[in-house]
Amino acid sequence: MKKNYYYCDMPCGRIGIAENGQGITHVLFRGQPPPRGYEENESALIRRAASRLFAWFRGERQDFDLPLAPGGTDFQHAVWRAVMAIPYGETRSYREIAARLGNVKASRAVGRANGLNPIPFMIPCHRVIGSNGALTGYAGGLALKKQLLDLERKKHGD
């Protein structure tokens, strides 16, 4: 099965989107290289993902409705499902996600899994914050995380 990636200019900068023929596998921030074994090709799925991402930035979409195919462990997938359940325009703490997964003491493990999210935006890891309300690490940088949260809150009407 052919694996493709393509870089697109988005309102937040240059973003790479990668897919494996079954789903989106990666969203890459500026400077991140494509996954090994992927070829540069703007496939139909990448075009669809880019179109939805543009619409999301314009506030016209709150979700992406795309097939996602992240790698990862069962625990990481559980964390990412919990992150995807955070409503548009809202945030949750690492502790809240850990509690949702049944182990309030697993907030550091949740943070690690969130940090390894290969599909930011579509798995909205920017919605996860510290328990004191502080913005914490984000692969795209804290300024972008704040921009994304502000965008969602503005479009959500808060």
C-alpha atoms as a PDB file:
ATOM      1  CA  MET A   1       0.000   0.000   0.000  1.00  0.00           C
ATOM      2  CA  LYS A   2       1.419   3.383  -1.006  1.00  0.00           C
ATOM      3  CA  LYS A   3       2.138   5.883   1.754  1.00  0.00           C
ATOM      4  CA  ASN A   4       1.942   9.569   0.837  1.00  0.00           C
ATOM      5  CA  TYR A   5       2.727  12.936   2.376  1.00  0.00           C
ATOM      6  CA  TYR A   6       2.330  16.492   1.178  1.00  0.00           C
ATOM      7  CA  TYR A   7       3.036  19.916   2.678  1.00  0.00           C
ATOM      8  CA  CYS A   8       0.381  22.646   2.574  1.00  0.00           C
ATOM      9  CA  ASP A   9       0.440  26.284   3.618  1.00  0.00           C
ATOM     10  CA  MET A  10      -2.083  26.807   6.401  1.00  0.00           C
ATOM     11  CA  PRO A  11      -2.998  29.907   8.425  1.00  0.00           C
ATOM     12  CA  CYS A  12      -0.619  28.679  11.153  1.00  0.00           C
ATOM     13  CA  GLY A  13       2.250  27.962   8.761  1.00  0.00           C
ATOM     14  CA  ARG A  14       3.407  25.072   6.610  1.00  0.00           C
ATOM     15  CA  ILE A  15       1.811  21.763   7.648  1.00  0.00           C
ATOM     16  CA  GLY A  16       2.529  18.290   6.322  1.00  0.00           C
ATOM     17  CA  ILE A  17      -0.207  15.691   6.049  1.00  0.00           C
ATOM     18  CA  ALA A  18       0.629  11.988   5.646  1.00  0.00           C
ATOM     19  CA  GLU A  19      -1.594   9.006   4.904  1.00  0.00           C
ATOM     20  CA  ASN A  20      -1.135   5.274   4.423  1.00  0.00           C
ATOM     21  CA  GLY A  21      -3.998   4.464   2.044  1.00  0.00           C
ATOM     22  CA  GLN A  22      -6.369   3.750   4.936  1.00  0.00           C
ATOM     23  CA  GLY A  23      -6.223   6.950   6.951  1.00  0.00           C
ATOM     24  CA  ILE A  24      -4.292  10.006   8.028  1.00  0.00           C
ATOM     25  CA  THR A  25      -1.189   8.890   9.923  1.00  0.00           C
ATOM     26  CA  HIS A  26       0.617  12.171  10.642  1.00  0.00           C
ATOM     27  CA  VAL A  27       0.225  15.912  10.668  1.00  0.00           C
ATOM     28  CA  LEU A  28       3.652  17.510  10.655  1.00  0.00           C
ATOM     29  CA  PHE A  29       4.574  20.955  11.916  1.00  0.00           C
ATOM     30  CA  ARG A  30       7.079  23.122  10.074  1.00  0.00           C
ATOM     31  CA  GLY A  31      10.498  21.600  10.162  1.00  0.00           C
ATOM     32  CA  GLN A  32       9.304  18.065  10.862  1.00  0.00           C
ATOM     33  CA  PRO A  33      10.454  15.621   8.193  1.00  0.00           C
ATOM     34  CA  PRO A  34       8.026  13.211   6.538  1.00  0.00           C
ATOM     35  CA  PRO A  35       7.725   9.715   7.981  1.00  0.00           C
ATOM     36  CA  ARG A  36      10.212   7.177   6.673  1.00  0.00           C
ATOM     37  CA  GLY A  37       8.927   5.183   3.704  1.00  0.00           C
ATOM     38  CA  TYR A  38       6.401   7.808   2.588  1.00  0.00           C
ATOM     39  CA  GLU A  39       6.481   9.401  -0.884  1.00  0.00           C
ATOM     40  CA  GLU A  40       5.668  13.009  -1.706  1.00  0.00           C
ATOM     41  CA  ASN A  41       2.280  12.888  -3.416  1.00  0.00           C
ATOM     42  CA  GLU A  42      -0.854  14.935  -2.905  1.00  0.00           C
ATOM     43  CA  SER A  43      -3.369  12.103  -2.730  1.00  0.00           C
ATOM     44  CA  ALA A  44      -7.156  12.526  -2.702  1.00  0.00           C
ATOM     45  CA  LEU A  45      -7.229  11.824   1.054  1.00  0.00           C
ATOM     46  CA  ILE A  46      -4.562  14.460   1.708  1.00  0.00           C
ATOM     47  CA  ARG A  47      -6.507  16.997  -0.398  1.00  0.00           C
ATOM     48  CA  ARG A  48      -9.660  16.181   1.579  1.00  0.00           C
ATOM     49  CA  ALA A  49      -7.791  16.526   4.888  1.00  0.00           C
ATOM     50  CA  ALA A  50      -6.235  19.847   3.832  1.00  0.00           C
ATOM     51  CA  SER A  51      -9.629  21.181   2.738  1.00  0.00           C
ATOM     52  CA  ARG A  52     -11.169  20.261   6.086  1.00  0.00           C
ATOM     53  CA  LEU A  53      -8.239  21.732   7.974  1.00  0.00           C
ATOM     54  CA  PHE A  54      -8.657  25.040   6.088  1.00  0.00           C
ATOM     55  CA  ALA A  55     -12.382  25.009   6.919  1.00  0.00           C
ATOM     56  CA  TRP A  56     -11.555  24.297  10.574  1.00  0.00           C
ATOM     57  CA  PHE A  57      -9.218  27.305  10.689  1.00  0.00           C
ATOM     58  CA  ARG A  58     -11.996  29.460   9.216  1.00  0.00           C
ATOM     59  CA  GLY A  59     -14.360  28.255  11.941  1.00  0.00           C
ATOM     60  CA  GLU A  60     -16.585  26.450   9.436  1.00  0.00           C
ATOM     61  CA  ARG A  61     -15.911  22.970  10.892  1.00  0.00           C
ATOM     62  CA  GLN A  62     -15.635  21.665  14.412  1.00  0.00           C
ATOM     63  CA  ASP A  63     -14.489  18.171  13.454  1.00  0.00           C
ATOM     64  CA  PHE A  64     -12.745  16.535  10.556  1.00  0.00           C
ATOM     65  CA  ASP A  65     -14.733  13.381   9.707  1.00  0.00           C
ATOM     66  CA  LEU A  66     -11.682  11.660   8.229  1.00  0.00           C
ATOM     67  CA  PRO A  67     -10.272   8.171   8.634  1.00  0.00           C
ATOM     68  CA  LEU A  68      -7.385   8.349  11.091  1.00  0.00           C
ATOM     69  CA  ALA A  69      -4.668   5.715  11.344  1.00  0.00           C
ATOM     70  CA  PRO A  70      -2.195   6.714  14.046  1.00  0.00           C
ATOM     71  CA  GLY A  71       0.322   4.163  15.225  1.00  0.00           C
ATOM     72  CA  GLY A  72       0.790   3.771  18.951  1.00  0.00           C
ATOM     73  CA  THR A  73       0.039   1.566  21.903  1.00  0.00           C
ATOM     74  CA  ASP A  74      -3.377   0.637  23.266  1.00  0.00           C
ATOM     75  CA  PHE A  75      -2.883   3.170  26.080  1.00  0.00           C
ATOM     76  CA  GLN A  76      -1.977   5.930  23.624  1.00  0.00           C
ATOM     77  CA  HIS A  77      -5.070   5.133  21.567  1.00  0.00           C
ATOM     78  CA  ALA A  78      -7.218   5.301  24.718  1.00  0.00           C
ATOM     79  CA  VAL A  79      -5.748   8.725  25.548  1.00  0.00           C
ATOM     80  CA  TRP A  80      -6.256   9.967  21.988  1.00  0.00           C
ATOM     81  CA  ARG A  81      -9.897   8.793  21.995  1.00  0.00           C
ATOM     82  CA  ALA A  82     -10.411  10.698  25.257  1.00  0.00           C
ATOM     83  CA  VAL A  83      -8.786  13.787  23.734  1.00  0.00           C
ATOM     84  CA  MET A  84     -11.041  13.508  20.682  1.00  0.00           C
ATOM     85  CA  ALA A  85     -14.035  13.497  23.033  1.00  0.00           C
ATOM     86  CA  ILE A  86     -13.163  16.976  24.354  1.00  0.00           C
ATOM     87  CA  PRO A  87     -15.778  19.270  22.804  1.00  0.00           C
ATOM     88  CA  TYR A  88     -14.712  22.019  20.418  1.00  0.00           C
ATOM     89  CA  GLY A  89     -13.913  25.199  22.324  1.00  0.00           C
ATOM     90  CA  GLU A  90     -13.328  23.404  25.642  1.00  0.00           C
ATOM     91  CA  THR A  91     -10.276  22.109  27.479  1.00  0.00           C
ATOM     92  CA  ARG A  92      -9.501  19.286  29.885  1.00  0.00           C
ATOM     93  CA  SER A  93      -6.541  18.715  32.154  1.00  0.00           C
ATOM     94  CA  TYR A  94      -4.213  15.746  31.983  1.00  0.00           C
ATOM     95  CA  ARG A  95      -5.616  14.743  35.363  1.00  0.00           C
ATOM     96  CA  GLU A  96      -9.208  14.825  34.075  1.00  0.00           C
ATOM     97  CA  ILE A  97      -8.268  12.596  31.159  1.00  0.00           C
ATOM     98  CA  ALA A  98      -6.430  10.205  33.486  1.00  0.00           C
ATOM     99  CA  ALA A  99      -9.537  10.038  35.702  1.00  0.00           C
ATOM    100  CA  ARG A 100     -11.706   9.373  32.664  1.00  0.00           C
ATOM    101  CA  LEU A 101      -9.395   6.466  31.830  1.00  0.00           C
ATOM    102  CA  GLY A 102      -9.819   5.122  35.362  1.00  0.00           C
ATOM    103  CA  ASN A 103      -6.493   6.091  36.972  1.00  0.00           C
ATOM    104  CA  VAL A 104      -6.238   9.632  38.294  1.00  0.00           C
ATOM    105  CA  LYS A 105      -2.553   8.999  39.083  1.00  0.00           C
ATOM    106  CA  ALA A 106      -1.738   8.427  35.402  1.00  0.00           C
ATOM    107  CA  SER A 107      -1.684  12.118  34.464  1.00  0.00           C
ATOM    108  CA  ARG A 108       2.036  12.009  33.539  1.00  0.00           C
ATOM    109  CA  ALA A 109       1.464   8.978  31.318  1.00  0.00           C
ATOM    110  CA  VAL A 110      -1.462  10.822  29.744  1.00  0.00           C
ATOM    111  CA  GLY A 111       0.834  13.797  29.155  1.00  0.00           C
ATOM    112  CA  ARG A 112       3.431  11.594  27.495  1.00  0.00           C
ATOM    113  CA  ALA A 113       0.826   9.927  25.254  1.00  0.00           C
ATOM    114  CA  ASN A 114      -0.648  13.324  24.375  1.00  0.00           C
ATOM    115  CA  GLY A 115       2.840  14.573  23.482  1.00  0.00           C
ATOM    116  CA  LEU A 116       3.302  11.623  21.117  1.00  0.00           C
ATOM    117  CA  ASN A 117       0.080  12.352  19.240  1.00  0.00           C
ATOM    118  CA  PRO A 118       1.049  12.042  15.561  1.00  0.00           C
ATOM    119  CA  ILE A 119      -2.104  13.772  14.248  1.00  0.00           C
ATOM    120  CA  PRO A 120      -2.474  17.178  15.940  1.00  0.00           C
ATOM    121  CA  PHE A 121      -5.566  19.254  15.106  1.00  0.00           C
ATOM    122  CA  MET A 122      -7.520  16.112  14.141  1.00  0.00           C
ATOM    123  CA  ILE A 123      -6.695  14.557  17.499  1.00  0.00           C
ATOM    124  CA  PRO A 124      -6.989  17.923  19.269  1.00  0.00           C
ATOM    125  CA  CYS A 125      -4.171  17.647  21.802  1.00  0.00           C
ATOM    126  CA  HIS A 126      -4.073  21.451  22.005  1.00  0.00           C
ATOM    127  CA  ARG A 127      -7.237  21.171  24.165  1.00  0.00           C
ATOM    128  CA  VAL A 128      -5.279  19.502  26.975  1.00  0.00           C
ATOM    129  CA  ILE A 129      -3.908  21.860  29.624  1.00  0.00           C
ATOM    130  CA  GLY A 130      -2.332  21.681  33.056  1.00  0.00           C
ATOM    131  CA  SER A 131      -4.586  21.109  36.068  1.00  0.00           C
ATOM    132  CA  ASN A 132      -3.890  24.705  37.168  1.00  0.00           C
ATOM    133  CA  GLY A 133      -5.171  25.969  33.800  1.00  0.00           C
ATOM    134  CA  ALA A 134      -1.695  26.694  32.430  1.00  0.00           C
ATOM    135  CA  LEU A 135      -0.804  25.961  28.849  1.00  0.00           C
ATOM    136  CA  THR A 136       1.718  23.156  28.729  1.00  0.00           C
ATOM    137  CA  GLY A 137       3.900  21.679  26.000  1.00  0.00           C
ATOM    138  CA  TYR A 138       2.752  21.514  22.401  1.00  0.00           C
ATOM    139  CA  ALA A 139       4.749  20.257  19.421  1.00  0.00           C
ATOM    140  CA  GLY A 140       3.766  23.344  17.428  1.00  0.00           C
ATOM    141  CA  GLY A 141       4.805  25.654  20.285  1.00  0.00           C
ATOM    142  CA  LEU A 142       2.830  27.285  23.078  1.00  0.00           C
ATOM    143  CA  ALA A 143       2.055  30.372  20.961  1.00  0.00           C
ATOM    144  CA  LEU A 144       0.292  28.156  18.413  1.00  0.00           C
ATOM    145  CA  LYS A 145      -1.518  26.251  21.175  1.00  0.00           C
ATOM    146  CA  LYS A 146      -2.850  29.554  22.539  1.00  0.00           C
ATOM    147  CA  GLN A 147      -3.826  30.650  19.011  1.00  0.00           C
ATOM    148  CA  LEU A 148      -5.770  27.409  18.449  1.00  0.00           C
ATOM    149  CA  LEU A 149      -7.578  27.621  21.784  1.00  0.00           C
ATOM    150  CA  ASP A 150      -8.434  31.285  21.158  1.00  0.00           C
ATOM    151  CA  LEU A 151      -9.702  30.425  17.665  1.00  0.00           C
ATOM    152  CA  GLU A 152     -11.984  27.702  19.019  1.00  0.00           C
ATOM    153  CA  ARG A 153     -13.273  29.832  21.885  1.00  0.00           C
ATOM    154  CA  LYS A 154     -14.007  32.742  19.529  1.00  0.00           C
ATOM    155  CA  LYS A 155     -15.836  30.531  17.039  1.00  0.00           C
ATOM    156  CA  HIS A 156     -17.579  28.663  19.869  1.00  0.00           C
ATOM    157  CA  GLY A 157     -18.921  31.964  21.229  1.00  0.00           C
ATOM    158  CA  ASP A 158     -17.181  31.979  24.619  1.00  0.00           C
END
